[in-house]
Amino acid sequence: MLAHVSSSALMGIDAYPVEVEVDVSPGIPFFAIVGLPDKAVQESRDRVRSAIRNTSFDFPISKRIVINMAPADTRKEGPSFDLPIAVALLAATRQVNEASLESTVLVGELALDGVVRPVAGVLPIAIACKERGVKRLIVPESNAHEAAVVGNLDVYPVTSLQEVAEFLADGTRIPPLSLDAGSLMPEQPFYDADFADVKAQAHVKRALEVAAAGGHNVLMIGPPGSGKTMLARRLPSILPPLSLEEALETTRLYSVSGLLGSNRSLITERVFRSPHHTISDAALIGGGTIPRPGEVSLAHQGVLFLDELPEFKRDVLEVLRQPLEDGYVAVSRVHASITFPASFCLVAAMNPCPCGYYGDNFRQCTCAPGQIAKYQKRISGPLLDRIDLHIEVPRLTEDELLHAPSGEPSSAVRQRVCRAREIQQRRFAERNAKLGRSHIYCNAQMPARDVRTFCALADDVRALLRAAIQKLGLSARAYDRILKVSRTIADLDGAPQIAVAHVAEAIQYRALDRKMWN
């Protein structure tokens, strides 16, 4: 007796089809799973056996059972194959009609009593099913909402193996779940943290506005208690709202990582990730035997905040170079080589010295000059060059704390940011359509060739830049980033050309690192 059931597995953030083949034949009792299963898939034998018995079905105890998972040369992992294996066994023993499984994909973990538990990665599986023309997708009830946002695919939420068997016998028992993904996107996203909570610090808020408008990276330097973390947490609230395409891409990453949550269909706000400084390079960049997204990918389309930047291990910080430059992460392992998207806005914060009070007007620094230099040199020059804006964040005075008025609300700042982004989208629209690849959406993503095209300079602006290069000793990468920031400042002003004032503001965002590190 032979039966076939369609399922799906993950490779990075994409899914590929898996055919579960079950052969039940007379012979010495035997139960084997082949097709490069990992430990979790091997343990499916015990879960499936108990689930079938506890759901009042007959398990072929005295038979030889061989389960093959094709393609056999690709490693299978996770408990999501429990449900298709169980249904295939029921079909092979004629307890379920195999004809009812045509154009149907099943995924789900089984409890010992036959209850279907949620699994990770259902959204990319649903997307792959839609692309392949699959008609029906049977998933755990808790995963149904994320699968239903794909559209043009019948998604059936199930709670138990018994319910699946009854549905395959009579398809009218479970209505398909349907959702309109567009209706889930709010016109204006809601964030708990708002810029109205921030008193004073006008120059820092201006720098963060520039960063949001152009997608630039930021480094904030200041003593403890100056508000660096408070400001960083409010940056997502002034970023442009997510588009549906961006929301689906972000949700896919969280689905694969198992972080989407029960009955949640879509991530509709910019994400904010803040890993601890003890994080490993694999956890930050992604990895594992079967590569999984790291923090840089989970911050995709949002903000990655690294507090106490010098406290991170040097090798951990250096792996940030590729995603900061390319917007993606390539993770290579023996079994697979995976590319994860990692286009995020980096916000880093640090104290100027080990005690935190070097240059503070209220408290004297107790560090020796050698300690200060050693602390600051934990941040490499190449990494600093990849951070566009360096901002000094001083502590507030008593008068500012007690009497400073509330700041401008995030909604007002976001309107200006959105207008600047619209200008950039129009600017790059012809370029993106012409190339058909390597799409760029904001100034920070411009490659060198586009910088020369879209950042043309008048003679007086060029003279100012020449003087800045000589005085600050800027690298070629820092020079390009000044031009990109200048272009963003001009876009915020609605100016078609970069003026002296725009370049002067961009230069002062690069002056602090030379003051600190030289």
Protein backbone atom coordinates (compact mmCIF):
# COMPACT_ATOMS: atom_id res chain seq x y z
CA MET A 1 0.00 0.00 0.00
CA LEU A 2 1.51 3.27 -1.18
CA ALA A 3 0.36 6.86 -0.64
CA HIS A 4 1.65 10.34 -1.50
CA VAL A 5 1.02 13.59 0.40
CA SER A 6 2.35 17.04 -0.53
CA SER A 7 4.07 19.21 2.05
CA SER A 8 6.65 21.98 2.05
CA ALA A 9 9.96 22.87 3.72
CA LEU A 10 12.03 26.00 4.19
CA MET A 11 15.34 27.04 2.71
CA GLY A 12 16.23 30.41 4.17
CA ILE A 13 13.12 32.56 3.76
CA ASP A 14 11.86 30.61 0.74
CA ALA A 15 9.90 27.37 0.64
CA TYR A 16 10.20 24.39 -1.66
CA PRO A 17 7.84 21.41 -2.19
CA VAL A 18 8.39 18.14 -0.35
CA GLU A 19 6.65 14.93 -1.35
CA VAL A 20 5.92 12.59 1.57
CA GLU A 21 5.78 9.01 0.26
CA VAL A 22 4.58 6.22 2.55
CA ASP A 23 4.84 2.50 1.84
CA VAL A 24 3.10 0.07 4.20
CA SER A 25 3.84 -3.58 3.41
CA PRO A 26 3.88 -6.99 5.13
CA GLY A 27 7.09 -8.01 6.87
CA ILE A 28 9.04 -7.62 10.07
CA PRO A 29 7.61 -4.60 11.98
CA PHE A 30 9.70 -1.59 10.99
CA PHE A 31 9.23 2.17 10.92
CA ALA A 32 11.85 4.23 9.08
CA ILE A 33 12.00 7.80 7.79
CA VAL A 34 14.46 8.48 4.96
CA GLY A 35 15.30 11.55 2.87
CA LEU A 36 17.88 13.33 5.07
CA PRO A 37 15.61 13.95 8.09
CA ASP A 38 17.02 15.76 11.11
CA LYS A 39 16.45 14.70 14.72
CA ALA A 40 13.08 16.48 14.98
CA VAL A 41 11.80 14.71 11.85
CA GLN A 42 13.09 11.35 13.09
CA GLU A 43 11.13 11.85 16.30
CA SER A 44 7.96 12.26 14.22
CA ARG A 45 7.63 8.46 14.33
CA ASP A 46 6.70 8.50 18.00
CA ARG A 47 4.46 11.57 17.77
CA VAL A 48 2.63 10.23 14.73
CA ARG A 49 2.18 6.76 16.25
CA SER A 50 0.65 8.17 19.45
CA ALA A 51 -1.48 10.75 17.62
CA ILE A 52 -3.02 8.10 15.32
CA ARG A 53 -3.76 5.73 18.20
CA ASN A 54 -5.26 8.49 20.38
CA THR A 55 -7.48 9.70 17.55
CA SER A 56 -9.29 6.35 17.22
CA PHE A 57 -7.54 5.38 13.99
CA ASP A 58 -5.71 2.09 13.43
CA PHE A 59 -1.92 2.16 13.38
CA PRO A 60 -0.32 -0.68 11.35
CA ILE A 61 1.71 -2.17 14.20
CA SER A 62 2.69 -5.41 12.47
CA LYS A 63 3.67 -3.82 9.13
CA ARG A 64 6.85 -2.60 7.53
CA ILE A 65 6.57 1.21 7.20
CA VAL A 66 8.98 3.26 5.09
CA ILE A 67 8.50 7.02 4.74
CA ASN A 68 10.50 8.85 2.08
CA MET A 69 10.73 12.63 1.89
CA ALA A 70 11.61 13.80 -1.60
CA PRO A 71 13.81 15.41 -2.77
CA ALA A 72 16.03 12.99 -0.84
CA ASP A 73 19.23 15.04 -1.25
CA THR A 74 17.95 18.07 0.72
CA ARG A 75 18.02 18.07 4.51
CA LYS A 76 14.57 18.24 6.18
CA GLU A 77 14.18 19.78 9.62
CA GLY A 78 11.51 20.63 12.16
CA PRO A 79 8.23 19.10 13.33
CA SER A 80 6.08 20.52 10.50
CA PHE A 81 6.04 17.14 8.72
CA ASP A 82 4.10 15.39 11.52
CA LEU A 83 0.70 16.12 9.98
CA PRO A 84 1.53 15.12 6.37
CA ILE A 85 3.24 11.92 7.59
CA ALA A 86 0.20 10.99 9.69
CA VAL A 87 -2.25 11.71 6.86
CA ALA A 88 -0.07 9.76 4.41
CA LEU A 89 -0.11 6.78 6.77
CA LEU A 90 -3.90 6.98 7.02
CA ALA A 91 -4.13 7.17 3.22
CA ALA A 92 -1.78 4.20 2.78
CA THR A 93 -3.92 2.10 5.16
CA ARG A 94 -7.11 3.24 3.35
CA GLN A 95 -8.47 5.16 6.34
CA VAL A 96 -8.40 8.38 4.29
CA ASN A 97 -9.22 8.67 0.61
CA GLU A 98 -5.98 9.60 -1.19
CA ALA A 99 -7.92 11.18 -4.08
CA SER A 100 -9.09 13.91 -1.68
CA LEU A 101 -5.45 15.00 -1.24
CA GLU A 102 -5.03 16.17 -4.83
CA SER A 103 -3.56 19.70 -5.09
CA THR A 104 -3.44 19.92 -1.28
CA VAL A 105 -0.45 20.82 0.90
CA LEU A 106 -0.34 20.00 4.61
CA VAL A 107 1.98 21.30 7.36
CA GLY A 108 1.70 21.03 11.12
CA GLU A 109 3.12 19.53 14.30
CA LEU A 110 1.16 16.86 16.15
CA ALA A 111 0.72 16.49 19.88
CA LEU A 112 0.43 12.97 21.29
CA ASP A 113 -3.36 13.35 21.55
CA GLY A 114 -3.69 14.38 17.89
CA VAL A 115 -3.93 18.15 18.42
CA VAL A 116 -2.28 20.17 15.63
CA ARG A 117 0.27 22.67 16.92
CA PRO A 118 1.63 25.76 15.12
CA VAL A 119 4.91 25.70 13.19
CA ALA A 120 7.32 28.31 11.85
CA GLY A 121 7.48 29.52 8.25
CA VAL A 122 3.86 29.15 7.15
CA LEU A 123 3.83 32.49 5.27
CA PRO A 124 6.67 31.60 2.82
CA ILE A 125 5.07 28.17 2.42
CA ALA A 126 1.77 29.82 1.46
CA ILE A 127 3.54 32.13 -0.99
CA ALA A 128 5.29 29.17 -2.62
CA CYS A 129 1.99 27.25 -2.84
CA LYS A 130 0.32 30.16 -4.59
CA GLU A 131 3.18 30.42 -7.09
CA ARG A 132 2.94 26.68 -7.86
CA GLY A 133 -0.82 26.80 -8.37
CA VAL A 134 -1.74 24.71 -5.32
CA LYS A 135 -5.46 24.93 -4.58
CA ARG A 136 -5.63 24.07 -0.87
CA LEU A 137 -3.31 24.61 2.09
CA ILE A 138 -4.12 22.90 5.41
CA VAL A 139 -2.33 24.56 8.34
CA PRO A 140 -2.62 24.75 12.16
CA GLU A 141 -5.33 27.15 13.27
CA SER A 142 -2.79 29.49 14.92
CA ASN A 143 -0.93 29.86 11.59
CA ALA A 144 -3.97 30.36 9.39
CA HIS A 145 -4.03 34.16 9.49
CA GLU A 146 -0.47 34.57 8.23
CA ALA A 147 -1.16 32.13 5.37
CA ALA A 148 -4.44 33.78 4.42
CA VAL A 149 -2.86 37.18 3.68
CA VAL A 150 -1.33 35.70 0.51
CA GLY A 151 -4.69 35.62 -1.27
CA ASN A 152 -5.91 33.43 -4.18
CA LEU A 153 -5.28 30.33 -2.06
CA ASP A 154 -7.79 28.35 -0.01
CA VAL A 155 -6.37 28.18 3.53
CA TYR A 156 -8.02 25.72 5.90
CA PRO A 157 -7.28 26.08 9.63
CA VAL A 158 -7.35 22.78 11.56
CA THR A 159 -7.05 21.92 15.23
CA SER A 160 -6.67 18.12 15.26
CA LEU A 161 -5.85 15.08 13.15
CA GLN A 162 -9.44 13.93 13.54
CA GLU A 163 -10.67 17.22 12.05
CA VAL A 164 -8.29 16.83 9.09
CA ALA A 165 -9.57 13.31 8.40
CA GLU A 166 -13.19 14.48 8.53
CA PHE A 167 -12.41 17.41 6.25
CA LEU A 168 -10.78 15.13 3.66
CA ALA A 169 -13.87 12.94 3.80
CA ASP A 170 -16.25 15.89 3.50
CA GLY A 171 -14.62 19.19 2.44
CA THR A 172 -17.58 21.30 3.55
CA ARG A 173 -16.85 20.89 7.27
CA ILE A 174 -14.18 23.65 7.40
CA PRO A 175 -14.71 26.94 5.54
CA PRO A 176 -11.53 28.45 4.06
CA LEU A 177 -10.14 31.51 5.80
CA SER A 178 -9.80 34.62 3.66
CA LEU A 179 -8.21 37.97 4.48
CA ASP A 180 -7.69 41.16 2.51
CA ALA A 181 -4.04 42.02 3.12
CA GLY A 182 -4.54 45.60 1.93
CA SER A 183 -7.23 46.27 4.54
CA LEU A 184 -4.80 45.24 7.30
CA MET A 185 -2.41 48.09 6.50
CA PRO A 186 -3.20 51.19 8.61
CA GLU A 187 -3.18 54.63 6.99
CA GLN A 188 -1.00 55.92 9.81
CA PRO A 189 0.96 53.45 11.98
CA PHE A 190 0.70 53.72 15.75
CA TYR A 191 3.78 53.75 17.99
CA ASP A 192 3.89 53.95 21.77
CA ALA A 193 7.05 56.09 21.67
CA ASP A 194 6.67 59.60 20.23
CA PHE A 195 9.08 62.46 19.62
CA ALA A 196 6.74 64.73 21.58
CA ASP A 197 8.14 63.10 24.72
CA VAL A 198 11.65 64.41 24.03
CA LYS A 199 12.58 67.78 25.53
CA ALA A 200 15.24 70.01 23.93
CA GLN A 201 17.94 68.08 21.96
CA ALA A 202 16.82 69.89 18.80
CA HIS A 203 20.05 69.15 16.91
CA VAL A 204 19.78 65.41 17.65
CA LYS A 205 16.15 65.29 16.53
CA ARG A 206 17.13 67.13 13.36
CA ALA A 207 19.86 64.54 12.67
CA LEU A 208 17.41 61.68 13.22
CA GLU A 209 14.97 63.35 10.83
CA VAL A 210 17.72 63.47 8.18
CA ALA A 211 18.54 59.82 8.90
CA ALA A 212 14.89 58.79 8.48
CA ALA A 213 14.47 60.81 5.29
CA GLY A 214 17.46 59.25 3.55
CA GLY A 215 17.78 55.87 5.28
CA HIS A 216 21.12 56.84 6.83
CA ASN A 217 22.96 55.23 9.76
CA VAL A 218 23.52 57.16 13.00
CA LEU A 219 26.02 57.09 15.87
CA MET A 220 25.13 59.00 19.05
CA ILE A 221 27.86 59.79 21.57
CA GLY A 222 27.11 61.19 25.00
CA PRO A 223 27.23 60.59 28.76
CA PRO A 224 24.83 58.26 30.59
CA GLY A 225 21.35 59.70 31.01
CA SER A 226 21.55 62.09 28.06
CA GLY A 227 18.63 60.40 26.27
CA LYS A 228 20.37 58.35 23.56
CA THR A 229 18.19 55.27 24.02
CA MET A 230 15.03 57.36 24.35
CA LEU A 231 15.77 59.09 21.04
CA ALA A 232 16.66 55.85 19.25
CA ARG A 233 13.40 54.16 20.28
CA ARG A 234 11.45 56.98 18.66
CA LEU A 235 13.13 56.75 15.25
CA PRO A 236 10.68 54.13 13.87
CA SER A 237 7.80 56.54 14.58
CA ILE A 238 9.10 59.04 11.99
CA LEU A 239 9.97 56.51 9.28
CA PRO A 240 7.56 56.28 6.32
CA PRO A 241 4.71 53.76 6.76
CA LEU A 242 5.41 50.28 5.46
CA SER A 243 4.07 49.37 2.04
CA LEU A 244 2.25 46.05 1.65
CA GLU A 245 5.27 44.58 -0.16
CA GLU A 246 7.60 45.64 2.67
CA ALA A 247 5.19 44.33 5.30
CA LEU A 248 5.03 40.91 3.62
CA GLU A 249 8.82 40.71 3.37
CA THR A 250 9.25 41.64 7.04
CA THR A 251 6.51 39.23 8.11
CA ARG A 252 8.16 36.44 6.14
CA LEU A 253 11.37 36.83 8.14
CA TYR A 254 9.49 36.72 11.44
CA SER A 255 7.45 33.74 10.27
CA VAL A 256 10.58 31.75 9.42
CA SER A 257 12.09 32.65 12.80
CA GLY A 258 8.94 31.59 14.68
CA LEU A 259 8.54 35.09 16.13
CA LEU A 260 5.30 36.15 14.45
CA GLY A 261 3.04 35.08 17.29
CA SER A 262 -0.24 33.21 17.40
CA ASN A 263 -3.06 34.36 15.06
CA ARG A 264 -1.05 37.33 13.83
CA SER A 265 -1.29 37.88 10.10
CA LEU A 266 0.98 40.80 9.21
CA ILE A 267 3.60 43.12 10.70
CA THR A 268 2.39 46.61 9.82
CA GLU A 269 4.84 48.84 11.74
CA ARG A 270 8.56 49.43 11.39
CA VAL A 271 10.37 47.02 13.66
CA PHE A 272 12.89 48.00 16.34
CA ARG A 273 15.53 45.47 17.37
CA SER A 274 17.91 46.07 20.25
CA PRO A 275 20.23 43.09 20.88
CA HIS A 276 22.38 42.94 24.01
CA HIS A 277 26.10 43.61 23.66
CA THR A 278 26.87 39.98 24.62
CA ILE A 279 25.32 38.72 21.36
CA SER A 280 27.37 36.37 19.18
CA ASP A 281 28.22 37.05 15.56
CA ALA A 282 25.96 34.17 14.41
CA ALA A 283 23.00 35.54 16.38
CA LEU A 284 23.59 39.03 14.97
CA ILE A 285 24.23 38.17 11.34
CA GLY A 286 22.35 34.86 11.10
CA GLY A 287 23.54 31.28 10.92
CA GLY A 288 23.27 27.84 12.44
CA THR A 289 23.62 24.40 10.89
CA ILE A 290 20.55 25.27 8.85
CA PRO A 291 20.93 29.07 8.49
CA ARG A 292 18.32 31.20 10.20
CA PRO A 293 17.88 35.02 10.13
CA GLY A 294 19.86 37.02 12.67
CA GLU A 295 19.11 40.37 14.30
CA VAL A 296 20.24 42.34 11.24
CA SER A 297 17.59 40.55 9.15
CA LEU A 298 14.92 40.80 11.82
CA ALA A 299 15.53 44.57 11.70
CA HIS A 300 14.88 44.58 7.92
CA GLN A 301 12.87 47.67 6.89
CA GLY A 302 13.23 48.98 10.44
CA VAL A 303 15.81 50.04 13.03
CA LEU A 304 18.70 48.09 14.54
CA PHE A 305 19.81 49.73 17.78
CA LEU A 306 23.20 48.83 19.24
CA ASP A 307 23.52 50.38 22.69
CA GLU A 308 26.97 50.59 24.33
CA LEU A 309 28.61 50.01 20.96
CA PRO A 310 32.21 49.55 22.22
CA GLU A 311 31.04 46.75 24.54
CA PHE A 312 30.21 44.52 21.57
CA LYS A 313 32.96 42.08 20.59
CA ARG A 314 35.19 43.35 17.80
CA ASP A 315 34.47 40.39 15.49
CA VAL A 316 30.72 40.85 16.06
CA LEU A 317 30.86 44.48 14.94
CA GLU A 318 32.97 43.72 11.89
CA VAL A 319 30.36 41.35 10.45
CA LEU A 320 28.08 44.39 10.12
CA ARG A 321 30.13 45.66 7.18
CA GLN A 322 28.41 43.59 4.48
CA PRO A 323 24.78 44.31 5.43
CA LEU A 324 25.54 48.01 5.93
CA GLU A 325 27.07 48.18 2.47
CA ASP A 326 24.92 45.74 0.47
CA GLY A 327 21.57 45.51 2.28
CA TYR A 328 21.68 41.71 2.54
CA VAL A 329 23.53 38.93 4.37
CA ALA A 330 25.05 35.87 2.70
CA VAL A 331 25.42 32.95 5.13
CA SER A 332 27.34 29.91 3.87
CA ARG A 333 27.27 26.54 5.60
CA VAL A 334 28.14 22.98 4.60
CA HIS A 335 24.52 22.09 3.86
CA ALA A 336 23.38 25.37 2.33
CA SER A 337 24.24 28.91 1.33
CA ILE A 338 21.44 31.35 2.12
CA THR A 339 20.89 35.05 1.44
CA PHE A 340 18.76 37.03 3.88
CA PRO A 341 17.57 40.61 3.30
CA ALA A 342 19.07 43.08 5.79
CA SER A 343 18.24 46.62 4.76
CA PHE A 344 17.93 48.52 8.02
CA CYS A 345 18.74 51.84 9.64
CA LEU A 346 21.56 51.35 12.14
CA VAL A 347 21.41 53.50 15.25
CA ALA A 348 24.39 53.05 17.58
CA ALA A 349 24.97 54.70 20.94
CA MET A 350 28.09 54.89 23.08
CA ASN A 351 29.70 56.75 25.95
CA PRO A 352 32.79 58.81 25.09
CA CYS A 353 34.92 56.93 27.64
CA PRO A 354 34.70 53.99 30.11
CA CYS A 355 33.26 56.12 32.92
CA GLY A 356 31.03 57.96 30.46
CA TYR A 357 31.79 61.55 31.42
CA TYR A 358 34.61 62.60 29.10
CA GLY A 359 33.69 66.10 27.88
CA ASP A 360 30.66 66.32 30.18
CA ASN A 361 29.90 69.79 31.59
CA PHE A 362 28.37 68.47 34.82
CA ARG A 363 30.67 65.72 35.99
CA GLN A 364 34.42 65.23 35.74
CA CYS A 365 35.86 62.25 33.85
CA THR A 366 37.97 59.86 35.94
CA CYS A 367 39.57 57.98 33.03
CA ALA A 368 43.23 58.19 32.06
CA PRO A 369 43.98 59.37 28.49
CA GLY A 370 45.18 55.89 27.56
CA GLN A 371 41.93 54.34 28.77
CA ILE A 372 39.90 56.81 26.71
CA ALA A 373 41.92 56.13 23.56
CA LYS A 374 41.73 52.35 24.01
CA TYR A 375 37.96 52.53 24.60
CA GLN A 376 37.29 54.62 21.53
CA LYS A 377 39.51 52.47 19.28
CA ARG A 378 37.23 49.49 19.88
CA ILE A 379 35.24 50.97 16.99
CA SER A 380 37.18 50.40 13.77
CA GLY A 381 37.65 53.07 11.13
CA PRO A 382 35.94 51.06 8.35
CA LEU A 383 32.84 50.64 10.52
CA LEU A 384 32.78 54.35 11.37
CA ASP A 385 33.01 55.21 7.68
CA ARG A 386 29.81 53.24 7.09
CA ILE A 387 27.90 55.35 9.63
CA ASP A 388 26.71 58.54 7.95
CA LEU A 389 25.84 60.78 10.89
CA HIS A 390 27.86 61.17 14.11
CA ILE A 391 26.02 63.17 16.76
CA GLU A 392 27.02 64.45 20.17
CA VAL A 393 24.20 64.10 22.72
CA PRO A 394 24.86 66.26 25.81
CA ARG A 395 22.98 65.95 29.07
CA LEU A 396 20.11 68.37 29.61
CA THR A 397 20.43 71.22 32.08
CA GLU A 398 18.05 71.57 35.01
CA ASP A 399 16.15 74.35 33.23
CA GLU A 400 15.72 72.20 30.12
CA LEU A 401 14.48 69.27 32.15
CA LEU A 402 12.01 71.35 34.17
CA HIS A 403 10.87 74.04 31.77
CA ALA A 404 11.57 72.96 28.18
CA PRO A 405 8.31 72.59 26.21
CA SER A 406 7.23 69.28 24.70
CA GLY A 407 8.82 68.41 21.40
CA GLU A 408 7.26 68.24 17.95
CA PRO A 409 5.07 65.12 17.54
CA SER A 410 6.32 62.25 15.41
CA SER A 411 3.39 62.61 12.99
CA ALA A 412 4.54 66.09 11.94
CA VAL A 413 8.15 64.96 11.45
CA ARG A 414 6.97 61.89 9.54
CA GLN A 415 5.10 64.09 7.06
CA ARG A 416 8.33 65.89 6.14
CA VAL A 417 10.18 62.58 5.92
CA CYS A 418 7.52 61.15 3.62
CA ARG A 419 7.70 64.18 1.32
CA ALA A 420 11.48 63.75 1.06
CA ARG A 421 11.09 60.03 0.35
CA GLU A 422 8.56 60.78 -2.41
CA ILE A 423 11.10 63.06 -4.06
CA GLN A 424 13.67 60.27 -3.91
CA GLN A 425 11.26 57.71 -5.35
CA ARG A 426 10.53 59.96 -8.31
CA ARG A 427 14.24 60.57 -8.78
CA PHE A 428 15.10 56.87 -8.87
CA ALA A 429 11.98 55.67 -10.73
CA GLU A 430 13.49 56.04 -14.22
CA ARG A 431 16.78 54.53 -13.10
CA ASN A 432 15.04 51.49 -11.51
CA ALA A 433 12.80 50.95 -14.53
CA LYS A 434 15.76 51.13 -16.90
CA LEU A 435 17.93 48.65 -15.02
CA GLY A 436 15.13 46.35 -13.88
CA ARG A 437 17.30 45.22 -10.97
CA SER A 438 19.24 46.60 -8.00
CA HIS A 439 16.30 48.81 -7.07
CA ILE A 440 17.09 51.72 -4.75
CA TYR A 441 14.45 53.60 -2.79
CA CYS A 442 16.37 56.13 -0.71
CA ASN A 443 19.56 58.18 -0.92
CA ALA A 444 21.57 55.95 1.43
CA GLN A 445 21.26 53.07 -1.08
CA MET A 446 22.82 54.97 -3.99
CA PRO A 447 25.90 53.27 -5.48
CA ALA A 448 28.91 55.40 -6.48
CA ARG A 449 27.77 55.82 -10.09
CA ASP A 450 24.40 57.22 -9.02
CA VAL A 451 26.07 59.56 -6.52
CA ARG A 452 27.91 61.23 -9.41
CA THR A 453 24.64 61.45 -11.36
CA PHE A 454 22.25 62.72 -8.69
CA CYS A 455 24.64 64.73 -6.50
CA ALA A 456 26.07 67.25 -8.96
CA LEU A 457 27.87 70.13 -7.24
CA ALA A 458 28.40 73.80 -8.10
CA ASP A 459 31.90 75.30 -7.85
CA ASP A 460 31.33 76.95 -4.45
CA VAL A 461 29.99 73.70 -2.99
CA ARG A 462 32.95 71.80 -4.42
CA ALA A 463 35.37 74.24 -2.81
CA LEU A 464 33.76 73.74 0.59
CA LEU A 465 34.04 69.97 0.22
CA ARG A 466 37.69 70.24 -0.80
CA ALA A 467 38.47 72.20 2.35
CA ALA A 468 36.59 69.67 4.49
CA ILE A 469 38.52 66.76 2.99
CA GLN A 470 41.84 68.47 3.72
CA LYS A 471 40.92 69.43 7.28
CA LEU A 472 39.12 66.26 8.38
CA GLY A 473 41.13 63.72 6.38
CA LEU A 474 37.99 62.09 4.98
CA SER A 475 38.15 58.74 3.19
CA ALA A 476 36.56 58.19 -0.21
CA ARG A 477 33.69 56.33 1.46
CA ALA A 478 33.12 59.20 3.92
CA TYR A 479 33.16 61.66 1.00
CA ASP A 480 30.41 59.70 -0.78
CA ARG A 481 28.34 59.55 2.40
CA ILE A 482 28.59 63.31 2.87
CA LEU A 483 27.21 63.74 -0.64
CA LYS A 484 24.33 61.34 0.08
CA VAL A 485 23.46 63.12 3.33
CA SER A 486 23.66 66.49 1.52
CA ARG A 487 21.24 65.19 -1.09
CA THR A 488 18.83 64.13 1.68
CA ILE A 489 19.02 67.52 3.41
CA ALA A 490 18.29 69.19 0.08
CA ASP A 491 15.29 66.88 -0.40
CA LEU A 492 13.95 67.87 3.03
CA ASP A 493 14.22 71.50 1.90
CA GLY A 494 12.61 70.67 -1.45
CA ALA A 495 15.70 72.01 -3.24
CA PRO A 496 16.52 70.56 -6.70
CA GLN A 497 20.27 71.26 -6.30
CA ILE A 498 22.66 70.72 -3.40
CA ALA A 499 23.64 74.08 -1.90
CA VAL A 500 26.46 75.18 0.39
CA ALA A 501 24.19 75.10 3.44
CA HIS A 502 23.23 71.47 2.75
CA VAL A 503 26.85 70.36 2.46
CA ALA A 504 27.88 72.37 5.54
CA GLU A 505 25.24 70.59 7.63
CA ALA A 506 26.31 67.19 6.27
CA ILE A 507 29.99 67.93 7.05
CA GLN A 508 29.28 68.77 10.68
CA TYR A 509 27.70 65.32 11.05
CA ARG A 510 31.14 63.88 10.15
CA ALA A 511 33.25 66.23 12.26
CA LEU A 512 32.56 64.58 15.63
CA ASP A 513 34.23 61.29 14.77
CA ARG A 514 37.47 63.12 13.91
CA LYS A 515 37.24 65.10 17.14
CA MET A 516 36.78 61.91 19.17
CA TRP A 517 39.05 59.47 17.37
CA ASN A 518 41.90 61.84 16.56
